[in-house]
């Protein structure tokens, strides 16, 4: 997902998504990426791989509701 507005952490909380924001500042390019590392960390990747191994929807068990946001 590439966004044209400034990235907000709420866009990725409890998702398996990565938000990219690209901004040109003078002659340099700043690339910002946001992920929820609690889901897309090693444990989230393990759950996603297990789901694929057993023929399940790869997001099963990864779509959780936000607690604090």
Protein backbone atom coordinates (compact mmCIF):
# COMPACT_ATOMS: atom_id res chain seq x y z
CA UNK A 1 0.00 0.00 0.00
CA UNK A 2 1.52 3.34 -1.05
CA UNK A 3 -0.06 6.43 0.43
CA UNK A 4 0.03 10.05 -0.78
CA UNK A 5 -0.66 11.49 2.68
CA UNK A 6 1.62 11.30 5.70
CA UNK A 7 1.59 7.76 7.12
CA UNK A 8 -0.30 7.02 10.32
CA UNK A 9 0.44 4.06 12.56
CA UNK A 10 -3.31 3.40 12.82
CA UNK A 11 -3.21 2.26 9.18
CA UNK A 12 -1.22 -0.87 10.07
CA UNK A 13 -2.18 -1.69 13.68
CA UNK A 14 -3.29 -5.34 13.90
CA UNK A 15 -2.89 -5.91 10.16
CA UNK A 16 -0.48 -7.82 8.00
CA UNK A 17 0.07 -4.73 5.81
CA UNK A 18 3.04 -2.49 5.13
CA UNK A 19 2.46 1.21 4.37
CA UNK A 20 5.09 3.02 2.29
CA UNK A 21 5.44 6.79 2.11
CA UNK A 22 7.87 8.34 -0.39
CA UNK A 23 8.79 11.99 -0.10
CA UNK A 24 11.26 14.10 -2.11
CA UNK A 25 13.13 16.65 -0.02
CA UNK A 26 15.36 18.88 -2.16
CA UNK A 27 17.66 16.40 -3.95
CA UNK A 28 17.05 13.46 -1.58
CA UNK A 29 14.33 10.84 -1.30
CA UNK A 30 12.94 9.82 2.09
CA UNK A 31 11.16 6.46 2.23
CA UNK A 32 9.16 5.63 5.35
CA UNK A 33 7.65 2.21 5.95
CA UNK A 34 5.23 1.19 8.69
CA UNK A 35 4.45 -2.33 9.87
CA UNK A 36 2.92 -3.78 13.01
CA UNK A 37 5.87 -5.92 14.09
CA UNK A 38 3.72 -7.75 16.65
CA UNK A 39 1.92 -9.40 13.75
CA UNK A 40 4.54 -9.30 11.01
CA UNK A 41 7.38 -10.26 13.27
CA UNK A 42 8.67 -13.82 13.50
CA UNK A 43 5.54 -15.08 15.26
CA UNK A 44 3.18 -13.56 12.68
CA UNK A 45 5.27 -14.98 9.85
CA UNK A 46 5.22 -18.41 11.51
CA UNK A 47 1.41 -18.34 11.76
CA UNK A 48 1.11 -17.21 8.13
CA UNK A 49 3.46 -20.01 6.97
CA UNK A 50 1.61 -22.63 9.04
CA UNK A 51 -1.69 -21.52 7.52
CA UNK A 52 -0.25 -21.91 4.02
CA UNK A 53 1.20 -25.34 4.87
CA UNK A 54 -2.20 -26.59 6.04
CA UNK A 55 -4.14 -25.05 3.16
CA UNK A 56 -5.88 -22.45 5.32
CA UNK A 57 -6.49 -18.77 4.59
CA UNK A 58 -3.07 -17.22 5.16
CA UNK A 59 -4.52 -14.43 7.35
CA UNK A 60 -6.37 -16.82 9.69
CA UNK A 61 -5.55 -15.86 13.27
CA UNK A 62 -3.81 -12.65 12.20
CA UNK A 63 -6.83 -10.34 11.91
CA UNK A 64 -7.20 -9.05 15.44
CA UNK A 65 -9.07 -6.02 16.73
CA UNK A 66 -7.11 -3.01 17.93
CA UNK A 67 -6.81 -2.75 21.70
CA UNK A 68 -5.38 0.72 22.21
CA UNK A 69 -6.01 2.55 18.94
